[in-house]
Amino acid sequence: MSKSIYLAVILIMAVVFSGCNKFHSKASQAQTAVNSSTPYADGARRVTIQELEDLVKENKAVVIDVRNQESYDAGHIPGAKLIPAGEIVNHINELPKDKLIITYCS
């Protein structure tokens, strides 16, 4: 009797672990698909200068300079709005929900 219980427990554990492995495999595949859309570890999309100019011209994007005031005053992308990185949360309501938000810090 104890051998049959032991075998039943092993069988149940095998089923559970195979299910977990299947779930983990699907999650890994999904993560790989997300990461493959960008070569950067942070997953953020990069835009070229030409893309930026086109998107802003078509009113499809806004440019946010996340540096400090001094750096902004020294030079910035024309039309960029200054919102230092540490203050973004305080200005979240000022950001458009219907446009691409392009940030830069250098």
PDB file of N, CA and C in Angstrom:
ATOM      1  N   MET A   1       0.821  -1.189   0.000  1.00  0.00           N
ATOM      2  CA  MET A   1       0.000   0.000   0.000  1.00  0.00           C
ATOM      3  C   MET A   1       0.870   1.260   0.000  1.00  0.00           C
ATOM      4  N   SER A   2       1.920   1.292   0.774  1.00  0.00           N
ATOM      5  CA  SER A   2       2.766   2.479   0.840  1.00  0.00           C
ATOM      6  C   SER A   2       3.493   2.725  -0.476  1.00  0.00           C
ATOM      7  N   LYS A   3       3.818   1.658  -1.219  1.00  0.00           N
ATOM      8  CA  LYS A   3       4.456   1.844  -2.527  1.00  0.00           C
ATOM      9  C   LYS A   3       3.494   2.511  -3.497  1.00  0.00           C
ATOM     10  N   SER A   4       2.229   2.148  -3.460  1.00  0.00           N
ATOM     11  CA  SER A   4       1.262   2.751  -4.381  1.00  0.00           C
ATOM     12  C   SER A   4       1.024   4.223  -4.042  1.00  0.00           C
ATOM     13  N   ILE A   5       1.031   4.569  -2.765  1.00  0.00           N
ATOM     14  CA  ILE A   5       0.893   5.977  -2.364  1.00  0.00           C
ATOM     15  C   ILE A   5       2.124   6.758  -2.826  1.00  0.00           C
ATOM     16  N   TYR A   6       3.284   6.140  -2.623  1.00  0.00           N
ATOM     17  CA  TYR A   6       4.541   6.769  -3.033  1.00  0.00           C
ATOM     18  C   TYR A   6       4.542   7.023  -4.543  1.00  0.00           C
ATOM     19  N   LEU A   7       4.130   6.040  -5.323  1.00  0.00           N
ATOM     20  CA  LEU A   7       4.069   6.189  -6.779  1.00  0.00           C
ATOM     21  C   LEU A   7       3.035   7.244  -7.188  1.00  0.00           C
ATOM     22  N   ALA A   8       1.903   7.287  -6.487  1.00  0.00           N
ATOM     23  CA  ALA A   8       0.872   8.279  -6.780  1.00  0.00           C
ATOM     24  C   ALA A   8       1.390   9.690  -6.523  1.00  0.00           C
ATOM     25  N   VAL A   9       2.113   9.864  -5.422  1.00  0.00           N
ATOM     26  CA  VAL A   9       2.681  11.179  -5.089  1.00  0.00           C
ATOM     27  C   VAL A   9       3.697  11.595  -6.154  1.00  0.00           C
ATOM     28  N   ILE A  10       4.536  10.658  -6.578  1.00  0.00           N
ATOM     29  CA  ILE A  10       5.530  10.958  -7.616  1.00  0.00           C
ATOM     30  C   ILE A  10       4.837  11.338  -8.923  1.00  0.00           C
ATOM     31  N   LEU A  11       3.788  10.596  -9.272  1.00  0.00           N
ATOM     32  CA  LEU A  11       3.049  10.897 -10.496  1.00  0.00           C
ATOM     33  C   LEU A  11       2.414  12.287 -10.423  1.00  0.00           C
ATOM     34  N   ILE A  12       1.797  12.604  -9.310  1.00  0.00           N
ATOM     35  CA  ILE A  12       1.167  13.928  -9.128  1.00  0.00           C
ATOM     36  C   ILE A  12       2.222  15.028  -9.209  1.00  0.00           C
ATOM     37  N   MET A  13       3.365  14.818  -8.559  1.00  0.00           N
ATOM     38  CA  MET A  13       4.430  15.825  -8.597  1.00  0.00           C
ATOM     39  C   MET A  13       4.952  16.007 -10.023  1.00  0.00           C
ATOM     40  N   ALA A  14       5.069  14.906 -10.765  1.00  0.00           N
ATOM     41  CA  ALA A  14       5.541  14.995 -12.145  1.00  0.00           C
ATOM     42  C   ALA A  14       4.582  15.818 -12.992  1.00  0.00           C
ATOM     43  N   VAL A  15       3.282  15.615 -12.795  1.00  0.00           N
ATOM     44  CA  VAL A  15       2.272  16.375 -13.541  1.00  0.00           C
ATOM     45  C   VAL A  15       2.339  17.853 -13.172  1.00  0.00           C
ATOM     46  N   VAL A  16       2.450  18.136 -11.880  1.00  0.00           N
ATOM     47  CA  VAL A  16       2.526  19.531 -11.424  1.00  0.00           C
ATOM     48  C   VAL A  16       3.763  20.217 -11.993  1.00  0.00           C
ATOM     49  N   PHE A  17       4.924  19.555 -11.896  1.00  0.00           N
ATOM     50  CA  PHE A  17       6.153  20.168 -12.391  1.00  0.00           C
ATOM     51  C   PHE A  17       6.142  20.339 -13.909  1.00  0.00           C
ATOM     52  N   SER A  18       5.557  19.400 -14.616  1.00  0.00           N
ATOM     53  CA  SER A  18       5.496  19.562 -16.069  1.00  0.00           C
ATOM     54  C   SER A  18       4.580  20.721 -16.429  1.00  0.00           C
ATOM     55  N   GLY A  19       3.506  20.918 -15.661  1.00  0.00           N
ATOM     56  CA  GLY A  19       2.622  22.064 -15.885  1.00  0.00           C
ATOM     57  C   GLY A  19       3.333  23.375 -15.607  1.00  0.00           C
ATOM     58  N   CYS A  20       4.094  23.409 -14.522  1.00  0.00           N
ATOM     59  CA  CYS A  20       4.852  24.624 -14.186  1.00  0.00           C
ATOM     60  C   CYS A  20       5.879  24.921 -15.260  1.00  0.00           C
ATOM     61  N   ASN A  21       6.548  23.883 -15.748  1.00  0.00           N
ATOM     62  CA  ASN A  21       7.549  24.065 -16.785  1.00  0.00           C
ATOM     63  C   ASN A  21       6.917  24.592 -18.061  1.00  0.00           C
ATOM     64  N   LYS A  22       5.736  24.085 -18.376  1.00  0.00           N
ATOM     65  CA  LYS A  22       5.031  24.541 -19.567  1.00  0.00           C
ATOM     66  C   LYS A  22       4.682  26.024 -19.439  1.00  0.00           C
ATOM     67  N   PHE A  23       4.194  26.427 -18.246  1.00  0.00           N
ATOM     68  CA  PHE A  23       3.861  27.827 -17.998  1.00  0.00           C
ATOM     69  C   PHE A  23       5.104  28.690 -18.091  1.00  0.00           C
ATOM     70  N   HIS A  24       6.198  28.237 -17.480  1.00  0.00           N
ATOM     71  CA  HIS A  24       7.452  28.991 -17.507  1.00  0.00           C
ATOM     72  C   HIS A  24       7.962  29.143 -18.936  1.00  0.00           C
ATOM     73  N   SER A  25       7.835  28.090 -19.739  1.00  0.00           N
ATOM     74  CA  SER A  25       8.280  28.153 -21.129  1.00  0.00           C
ATOM     75  C   SER A  25       7.486  29.192 -21.914  1.00  0.00           C
ATOM     76  N   LYS A  26       6.167  29.222 -21.717  1.00  0.00           N
ATOM     77  CA  LYS A  26       5.336  30.209 -22.415  1.00  0.00           C
ATOM     78  C   LYS A  26       5.690  31.616 -21.957  1.00  0.00           C
ATOM     79  N   ALA A  27       5.910  31.797 -20.654  1.00  0.00           N
ATOM     80  CA  ALA A  27       6.285  33.115 -20.138  1.00  0.00           C
ATOM     81  C   ALA A  27       7.626  33.545 -20.713  1.00  0.00           C
ATOM     82  N   SER A  28       8.568  32.612 -20.809  1.00  0.00           N
ATOM     83  CA  SER A  28       9.884  32.940 -21.369  1.00  0.00           C
ATOM     84  C   SER A  28       9.773  33.320 -22.840  1.00  0.00           C
ATOM     85  N   GLN A  29       8.925  32.606 -23.580  1.00  0.00           N
ATOM     86  CA  GLN A  29       8.728  32.914 -24.995  1.00  0.00           C
ATOM     87  C   GLN A  29       8.108  34.296 -25.151  1.00  0.00           C
ATOM     88  N   ALA A  30       7.133  34.622 -24.296  1.00  0.00           N
ATOM     89  CA  ALA A  30       6.493  35.938 -24.362  1.00  0.00           C
ATOM     90  C   ALA A  30       7.499  37.031 -24.043  1.00  0.00           C
ATOM     91  N   GLN A  31       8.344  36.814 -23.029  1.00  0.00           N
ATOM     92  CA  GLN A  31       9.349  37.801 -22.666  1.00  0.00           C
ATOM     93  C   GLN A  31      10.350  37.981 -23.790  1.00  0.00           C
ATOM     94  N   THR A  32      10.738  36.890 -24.445  1.00  0.00           N
ATOM     95  CA  THR A  32      11.666  36.963 -25.569  1.00  0.00           C
ATOM     96  C   THR A  32      11.050  37.769 -26.697  1.00  0.00           C
ATOM     97  N   ALA A  33       9.760  37.573 -26.947  1.00  0.00           N
ATOM     98  CA  ALA A  33       9.077  38.325 -27.999  1.00  0.00           C
ATOM     99  C   ALA A  33       9.070  39.815 -27.680  1.00  0.00           C
ATOM    100  N   VAL A  34       8.852  40.167 -26.410  1.00  0.00           N
ATOM    101  CA  VAL A  34       8.857  41.580 -26.018  1.00  0.00           C
ATOM    102  C   VAL A  34      10.251  42.150 -26.183  1.00  0.00           C
ATOM    103  N   ASN A  35      11.251  41.426 -25.708  1.00  0.00           N
ATOM    104  CA  ASN A  35      12.622  41.923 -25.767  1.00  0.00           C
ATOM    105  C   ASN A  35      13.164  41.990 -27.186  1.00  0.00           C
ATOM    106  N   SER A  36      12.641  41.170 -28.093  1.00  0.00           N
ATOM    107  CA  SER A  36      13.180  41.163 -29.441  1.00  0.00           C
ATOM    108  C   SER A  36      12.757  42.402 -30.227  1.00  0.00           C
ATOM    109  N   SER A  37      11.762  43.149 -29.724  1.00  0.00           N
ATOM    110  CA  SER A  37      11.330  44.341 -30.427  1.00  0.00           C
ATOM    111  C   SER A  37      12.300  45.506 -30.221  1.00  0.00           C
ATOM    112  N   THR A  38      13.182  45.402 -29.259  1.00  0.00           N
ATOM    113  CA  THR A  38      14.174  46.434 -29.011  1.00  0.00           C
ATOM    114  C   THR A  38      15.480  45.774 -28.574  1.00  0.00           C
ATOM    115  N   PRO A  39      16.591  46.279 -29.056  1.00  0.00           N
ATOM    116  CA  PRO A  39      17.865  45.685 -28.650  1.00  0.00           C
ATOM    117  C   PRO A  39      18.354  46.189 -27.291  1.00  0.00           C
ATOM    118  N   TYR A  40      17.581  47.052 -26.639  1.00  0.00           N
ATOM    119  CA  TYR A  40      18.013  47.646 -25.386  1.00  0.00           C
ATOM    120  C   TYR A  40      17.408  46.924 -24.190  1.00  0.00           C
ATOM    121  N   ALA A  41      18.184  46.779 -23.135  1.00  0.00           N
ATOM    122  CA  ALA A  41      17.741  46.055 -21.940  1.00  0.00           C
ATOM    123  C   ALA A  41      16.541  46.716 -21.274  1.00  0.00           C
ATOM    124  N   ASP A  42      16.411  48.038 -21.384  1.00  0.00           N
ATOM    125  CA  ASP A  42      15.288  48.714 -20.726  1.00  0.00           C
ATOM    126  C   ASP A  42      13.984  48.573 -21.498  1.00  0.00           C
ATOM    127  N   GLY A  43      14.047  48.045 -22.712  1.00  0.00           N
ATOM    128  CA  GLY A  43      12.833  47.826 -23.497  1.00  0.00           C
ATOM    129  C   GLY A  43      12.261  49.083 -24.121  1.00  0.00           C
ATOM    130  N   ALA A  44      12.895  50.219 -23.918  1.00  0.00           N
ATOM    131  CA  ALA A  44      12.381  51.475 -24.464  1.00  0.00           C
ATOM    132  C   ALA A  44      12.711  51.600 -25.947  1.00  0.00           C
ATOM    133  N   ARG A  45      11.751  52.058 -26.702  1.00  0.00           N
ATOM    134  CA  ARG A  45      11.944  52.284 -28.136  1.00  0.00           C
ATOM    135  C   ARG A  45      12.825  53.512 -28.338  1.00  0.00           C
ATOM    136  N   ARG A  46      13.697  53.443 -29.280  1.00  0.00           N
ATOM    137  CA  ARG A  46      14.516  54.599 -29.660  1.00  0.00           C
ATOM    138  C   ARG A  46      13.987  55.135 -30.983  1.00  0.00           C
ATOM    139  N   VAL A  47      14.117  56.438 -31.179  1.00  0.00           N
ATOM    140  CA  VAL A  47      13.720  57.035 -32.450  1.00  0.00           C
ATOM    141  C   VAL A  47      14.919  57.752 -33.042  1.00  0.00           C
ATOM    142  N   THR A  48      14.938  57.813 -34.351  1.00  0.00           N
ATOM    143  CA  THR A  48      16.001  58.556 -35.029  1.00  0.00           C
ATOM    144  C   THR A  48      15.633  60.033 -35.039  1.00  0.00           C
ATOM    145  N   ILE A  49      16.579  60.865 -35.391  1.00  0.00           N
ATOM    146  CA  ILE A  49      16.316  62.300 -35.489  1.00  0.00           C
ATOM    147  C   ILE A  49      15.232  62.552 -36.521  1.00  0.00           C
ATOM    148  N   GLN A  50      15.300  61.838 -37.639  1.00  0.00           N
ATOM    149  CA  GLN A  50      14.295  62.014 -38.691  1.00  0.00           C
ATOM    150  C   GLN A  50      12.905  61.597 -38.205  1.00  0.00           C
ATOM    151  N   GLU A  51      12.828  60.485 -37.486  1.00  0.00           N
ATOM    152  CA  GLU A  51      11.537  60.050 -36.932  1.00  0.00           C
ATOM    153  C   GLU A  51      10.987  61.098 -35.975  1.00  0.00           C
ATOM    154  N   LEU A  52      11.862  61.621 -35.115  1.00  0.00           N
ATOM    155  CA  LEU A  52      11.449  62.646 -34.164  1.00  0.00           C
ATOM    156  C   LEU A  52      10.889  63.854 -34.898  1.00  0.00           C
ATOM    157  N   GLU A  53      11.623  64.339 -35.882  1.00  0.00           N
ATOM    158  CA  GLU A  53      11.163  65.511 -36.633  1.00  0.00           C
ATOM    159  C   GLU A  53       9.818  65.245 -37.308  1.00  0.00           C
ATOM    160  N   ASP A  54       9.670  64.078 -37.932  1.00  0.00           N
ATOM    161  CA  ASP A  54       8.427  63.743 -38.623  1.00  0.00           C
ATOM    162  C   ASP A  54       7.257  63.626 -37.650  1.00  0.00           C
ATOM    163  N   LEU A  55       7.470  62.940 -36.529  1.00  0.00           N
ATOM    164  CA  LEU A  55       6.398  62.755 -35.552  1.00  0.00           C
ATOM    165  C   LEU A  55       5.946  64.081 -34.948  1.00  0.00           C
ATOM    166  N   VAL A  56       6.897  64.958 -34.631  1.00  0.00           N
ATOM    167  CA  VAL A  56       6.544  66.262 -34.064  1.00  0.00           C
ATOM    168  C   VAL A  56       5.831  67.112 -35.111  1.00  0.00           C
ATOM    169  N   LYS A  57       6.342  67.103 -36.349  1.00  0.00           N
ATOM    170  CA  LYS A  57       5.725  67.868 -37.431  1.00  0.00           C
ATOM    171  C   LYS A  57       4.282  67.417 -37.674  1.00  0.00           C
ATOM    172  N   GLU A  58       4.032  66.101 -37.559  1.00  0.00           N
ATOM    173  CA  GLU A  58       2.690  65.547 -37.769  1.00  0.00           C
ATOM    174  C   GLU A  58       1.828  65.631 -36.508  1.00  0.00           C
ATOM    175  N   ASN A  59       2.355  66.266 -35.464  1.00  0.00           N
ATOM    176  CA  ASN A  59       1.668  66.435 -34.186  1.00  0.00           C
ATOM    177  C   ASN A  59       1.300  65.084 -33.551  1.00  0.00           C
ATOM    178  N   LYS A  60       2.179  64.093 -33.738  1.00  0.00           N
ATOM    179  CA  LYS A  60       1.963  62.764 -33.185  1.00  0.00           C
ATOM    180  C   LYS A  60       2.857  62.493 -31.974  1.00  0.00           C
ATOM    181  N   ALA A  61       3.703  63.447 -31.629  1.00  0.00           N
ATOM    182  CA  ALA A  61       4.635  63.241 -30.516  1.00  0.00           C
ATOM    183  C   ALA A  61       4.958  64.567 -29.845  1.00  0.00           C
ATOM    184  N   VAL A  62       5.367  64.468 -28.590  1.00  0.00           N
ATOM    185  CA  VAL A  62       5.894  65.621 -27.853  1.00  0.00           C
ATOM    186  C   VAL A  62       7.275  65.237 -27.351  1.00  0.00           C
ATOM    187  N   VAL A  63       8.121  66.235 -27.193  1.00  0.00           N
ATOM    188  CA  VAL A  63       9.491  66.005 -26.747  1.00  0.00           C
ATOM    189  C   VAL A  63       9.651  66.568 -25.345  1.00  0.00           C
ATOM    190  N   ILE A  64      10.123  65.718 -24.434  1.00  0.00           N
ATOM    191  CA  ILE A  64      10.333  66.113 -23.051  1.00  0.00           C
ATOM    192  C   ILE A  64      11.818  66.000 -22.729  1.00  0.00           C
ATOM    193  N   ASP A  65      12.387  67.108 -22.295  1.00  0.00           N
ATOM    194  CA  ASP A  65      13.783  67.149 -21.867  1.00  0.00           C
ATOM    195  C   ASP A  65      13.786  66.839 -20.371  1.00  0.00           C
ATOM    196  N   VAL A  66      14.428  65.759 -19.975  1.00  0.00           N
ATOM    197  CA  VAL A  66      14.393  65.345 -18.576  1.00  0.00           C
ATOM    198  C   VAL A  66      15.658  65.744 -17.802  1.00  0.00           C
ATOM    199  N   ARG A  67      16.431  66.657 -18.371  1.00  0.00           N
ATOM    200  CA  ARG A  67      17.635  67.133 -17.686  1.00  0.00           C
ATOM    201  C   ARG A  67      17.248  68.234 -16.700  1.00  0.00           C
ATOM    202  N   ASN A  68      18.248  68.866 -16.099  1.00  0.00           N
ATOM    203  CA  ASN A  68      17.974  69.971 -15.174  1.00  0.00           C
ATOM    204  C   ASN A  68      17.872  71.295 -15.936  1.00  0.00           C
ATOM    205  N   GLN A  69      17.438  72.333 -15.239  1.00  0.00           N
ATOM    206  CA  GLN A  69      17.225  73.646 -15.849  1.00  0.00           C
ATOM    207  C   GLN A  69      18.493  74.196 -16.487  1.00  0.00           C
ATOM    208  N   GLU A  70      19.617  74.043 -15.814  1.00  0.00           N
ATOM    209  CA  GLU A  70      20.887  74.557 -16.320  1.00  0.00           C
ATOM    210  C   GLU A  70      21.248  73.922 -17.669  1.00  0.00           C
ATOM    211  N   SER A  71      21.100  72.612 -17.749  1.00  0.00           N
ATOM    212  CA  SER A  71      21.404  71.913 -18.999  1.00  0.00           C
ATOM    213  C   SER A  71      20.439  72.321 -20.098  1.00  0.00           C
ATOM    214  N   TYR A  72      19.169  72.457 -19.739  1.00  0.00           N
ATOM    215  CA  TYR A  72      18.143  72.874 -20.698  1.00  0.00           C
ATOM    216  C   TYR A  72      18.479  74.267 -21.239  1.00  0.00           C
ATOM    217  N   ASP A  73      18.841  75.178 -20.343  1.00  0.00           N
ATOM    218  CA  ASP A  73      19.172  76.545 -20.748  1.00  0.00           C
ATOM    219  C   ASP A  73      20.410  76.595 -21.637  1.00  0.00           C
ATOM    220  N   ALA A  74      21.328  75.657 -21.444  1.00  0.00           N
ATOM    221  CA  ALA A  74      22.553  75.614 -22.246  1.00  0.00           C
ATOM    222  C   ALA A  74      22.257  75.193 -23.686  1.00  0.00           C
ATOM    223  N   GLY A  75      21.149  74.529 -23.901  1.00  0.00           N
ATOM    224  CA  GLY A  75      20.755  74.112 -25.240  1.00  0.00           C
ATOM    225  C   GLY A  75      19.797  72.941 -25.176  1.00  0.00           C
ATOM    226  N   HIS A  76      18.769  72.995 -26.015  1.00  0.00           N
ATOM    227  CA  HIS A  76      17.779  71.920 -26.025  1.00  0.00           C
ATOM    228  C   HIS A  76      17.133  71.808 -27.404  1.00  0.00           C
ATOM    229  N   ILE A  77      16.422  70.727 -27.606  1.00  0.00           N
ATOM    230  CA  ILE A  77      15.701  70.528 -28.864  1.00  0.00           C
ATOM    231  C   ILE A  77      14.597  71.579 -28.937  1.00  0.00           C
ATOM    232  N   PRO A  78      14.508  72.324 -30.035  1.00  0.00           N
ATOM    233  CA  PRO A  78      13.453  73.332 -30.161  1.00  0.00           C
ATOM    234  C   PRO A  78      12.068  72.714 -29.952  1.00  0.00           C
ATOM    235  N   GLY A  79      11.289  73.358 -29.089  1.00  0.00           N
ATOM    236  CA  GLY A  79       9.938  72.880 -28.807  1.00  0.00           C
ATOM    237  C   GLY A  79       9.872  71.886 -27.665  1.00  0.00           C
ATOM    238  N   ALA A  80      11.023  71.451 -27.149  1.00  0.00           N
ATOM    239  CA  ALA A  80      11.029  70.490 -26.050  1.00  0.00           C
ATOM    240  C   ALA A  80      10.557  71.160 -24.770  1.00  0.00           C
ATOM    241  N   LYS A  81       9.805  70.419 -23.994  1.00  0.00           N
ATOM    242  CA  LYS A  81       9.335  70.906 -22.698  1.00  0.00           C
ATOM    243  C   LYS A  81      10.253  70.349 -21.623  1.00  0.00           C
ATOM    244  N   LEU A  82      10.652  71.183 -20.689  1.00  0.00           N
ATOM    245  CA  LEU A  82      11.518  70.751 -19.599  1.00  0.00           C
ATOM    246  C   LEU A  82      10.687  70.159 -18.467  1.00  0.00           C
ATOM    247  N   ILE A  83      10.938  68.897 -18.172  1.00  0.00           N
ATOM    248  CA  ILE A  83      10.402  68.243 -16.974  1.00  0.00           C
ATOM    249  C   ILE A  83      11.527  67.351 -16.462  1.00  0.00           C
ATOM    250  N   PRO A  84      12.299  67.829 -15.476  1.00  0.00           N
ATOM    251  CA  PRO A  84      13.404  67.020 -14.960  1.00  0.00           C
ATOM    252  C   PRO A  84      12.924  65.628 -14.538  1.00  0.00           C
ATOM    253  N   ALA A  85      13.768  64.638 -14.755  1.00  0.00           N
ATOM    254  CA  ALA A  85      13.410  63.236 -14.514  1.00  0.00           C
ATOM    255  C   ALA A  85      12.808  63.010 -13.131  1.00  0.00           C
ATOM    256  N   GLY A  86      13.348  63.640 -12.128  1.00  0.00           N
ATOM    257  CA  GLY A  86      12.857  63.465 -10.767  1.00  0.00           C
ATOM    258  C   GLY A  86      11.493  64.086 -10.522  1.00  0.00           C
ATOM    259  N   GLU A  87      11.021  64.887 -11.467  1.00  0.00           N
ATOM    260  CA  GLU A  87       9.735  65.572 -11.297  1.00  0.00           C
ATOM    261  C   GLU A  87       8.638  65.051 -12.225  1.00  0.00           C
ATOM    262  N   ILE A  88       8.938  64.059 -13.029  1.00  0.00           N
ATOM    263  CA  ILE A  88       7.958  63.568 -14.016  1.00  0.00           C
ATOM    264  C   ILE A  88       6.654  63.163 -13.350  1.00  0.00           C
ATOM    265  N   VAL A  89       6.738  62.472 -12.226  1.00  0.00           N
ATOM    266  CA  VAL A  89       5.525  62.016 -11.544  1.00  0.00           C
ATOM    267  C   VAL A  89       4.639  63.199 -11.162  1.00  0.00           C
ATOM    268  N   ASN A  90       5.248  64.326 -10.809  1.00  0.00           N
ATOM    269  CA  ASN A  90       4.482  65.517 -10.423  1.00  0.00           C
ATOM    270  C   ASN A  90       3.805  66.193 -11.620  1.00  0.00           C
ATOM    271  N   HIS A  91       4.230  65.851 -12.825  1.00  0.00           N
ATOM    272  CA  HIS A  91       3.705  66.494 -14.035  1.00  0.00           C
ATOM    273  C   HIS A  91       2.979  65.506 -14.945  1.00  0.00           C
ATOM    274  N   ILE A  92       2.650  64.353 -14.435  1.00  0.00           N
ATOM    275  CA  ILE A  92       2.071  63.297 -15.262  1.00  0.00           C
ATOM    276  C   ILE A  92       0.786  63.754 -15.959  1.00  0.00           C
ATOM    277  N   ASN A  93       0.010  64.599 -15.318  1.00  0.00           N
ATOM    278  CA  ASN A  93      -1.243  65.082 -15.921  1.00  0.00           C
ATOM    279  C   ASN A  93      -1.007  66.050 -17.074  1.00  0.00           C
ATOM    280  N   GLU A  94       0.195  66.561 -17.191  1.00  0.00           N
ATOM    281  CA  GLU A  94       0.522  67.488 -18.280  1.00  0.00           C
ATOM    282  C   GLU A  94       0.918  66.753 -19.555  1.00  0.00           C
ATOM    283  N   LEU A  95       1.166  65.454 -19.438  1.00  0.00           N
ATOM    284  CA  LEU A  95       1.609  64.679 -20.595  1.00  0.00           C
ATOM    285  C   LEU A  95       0.407  64.187 -21.393  1.00  0.00           C
ATOM    286  N   PRO A  96       0.462  64.331 -22.711  1.00  0.00           N
ATOM    287  CA  PRO A  96      -0.669  63.897 -23.538  1.00  0.00           C
ATOM    288  C   PRO A  96      -0.809  62.375 -23.546  1.00  0.00           C
ATOM    289  N   LYS A  97      -2.034  61.919 -23.581  1.00  0.00           N
ATOM    290  CA  LYS A  97      -2.291  60.482 -23.598  1.00  0.00           C
ATOM    291  C   LYS A  97      -2.452  59.949 -25.016  1.00  0.00           C
ATOM    292  N   ASP A  98      -2.562  60.873 -25.965  1.00  0.00           N
ATOM    293  CA  ASP A  98      -2.810  60.465 -27.354  1.00  0.00           C
ATOM    294  C   ASP A  98      -1.608  60.677 -28.271  1.00  0.00           C
ATOM    295  N   LYS A  99      -0.431  60.928 -27.684  1.00  0.00           N
ATOM    296  CA  LYS A  99       0.768  61.164 -28.483  1.00  0.00           C
ATOM    297  C   LYS A  99       1.929  60.357 -27.920  1.00  0.00           C
ATOM    298  N   LEU A 100       2.888  60.097 -28.779  1.00  0.00           N
ATOM    299  CA  LEU A 100       4.119  59.454 -28.351  1.00  0.00           C
ATOM    300  C   LEU A 100       4.910  60.473 -27.539  1.00  0.00           C
ATOM    301  N   ILE A 101       5.398  60.061 -26.390  1.00  0.00           N
ATOM    302  CA  ILE A 101       6.207  60.949 -25.554  1.00  0.00           C
ATOM    303  C   ILE A 101       7.659  60.552 -25.729  1.00  0.00           C
ATOM    304  N   ILE A 102       8.439  61.470 -26.263  1.00  0.00           N
ATOM    305  CA  ILE A 102       9.859  61.222 -26.524  1.00  0.00           C
ATOM    306  C   ILE A 102      10.651  61.994 -25.500  1.00  0.00           C
ATOM    307  N   THR A 103      11.403  61.268 -24.689  1.00  0.00           N
ATOM    308  CA  THR A 103      12.240  61.925 -23.685  1.00  0.00           C
ATOM    309  C   THR A 103      13.695  61.857 -24.128  1.00  0.00           C
ATOM    310  N   TYR A 104      14.457  62.816 -23.647  1.00  0.00           N
ATOM    311  CA  TYR A 104      15.898  62.761 -23.883  1.00  0.00           C
ATOM    312  C   TYR A 104      16.623  63.403 -22.719  1.00  0.00           C
ATOM    313  N   CYS A 105      17.877  62.977 -22.551  1.00  0.00           N
ATOM    314  CA  CYS A 105      18.659  63.477 -21.425  1.00  0.00           C
ATOM    315  C   CYS A 105      20.080  63.832 -21.805  1.00  0.00           C
ATOM    316  N   SER A 106      20.373  63.908 -23.083  1.00  0.00           N
ATOM    317  CA  SER A 106      21.731  64.310 -23.464  1.00  0.00           C
ATOM    318  C   SER A 106      21.714  65.043 -24.775  1.00  0.00           C
TER     319      SER A 106
END
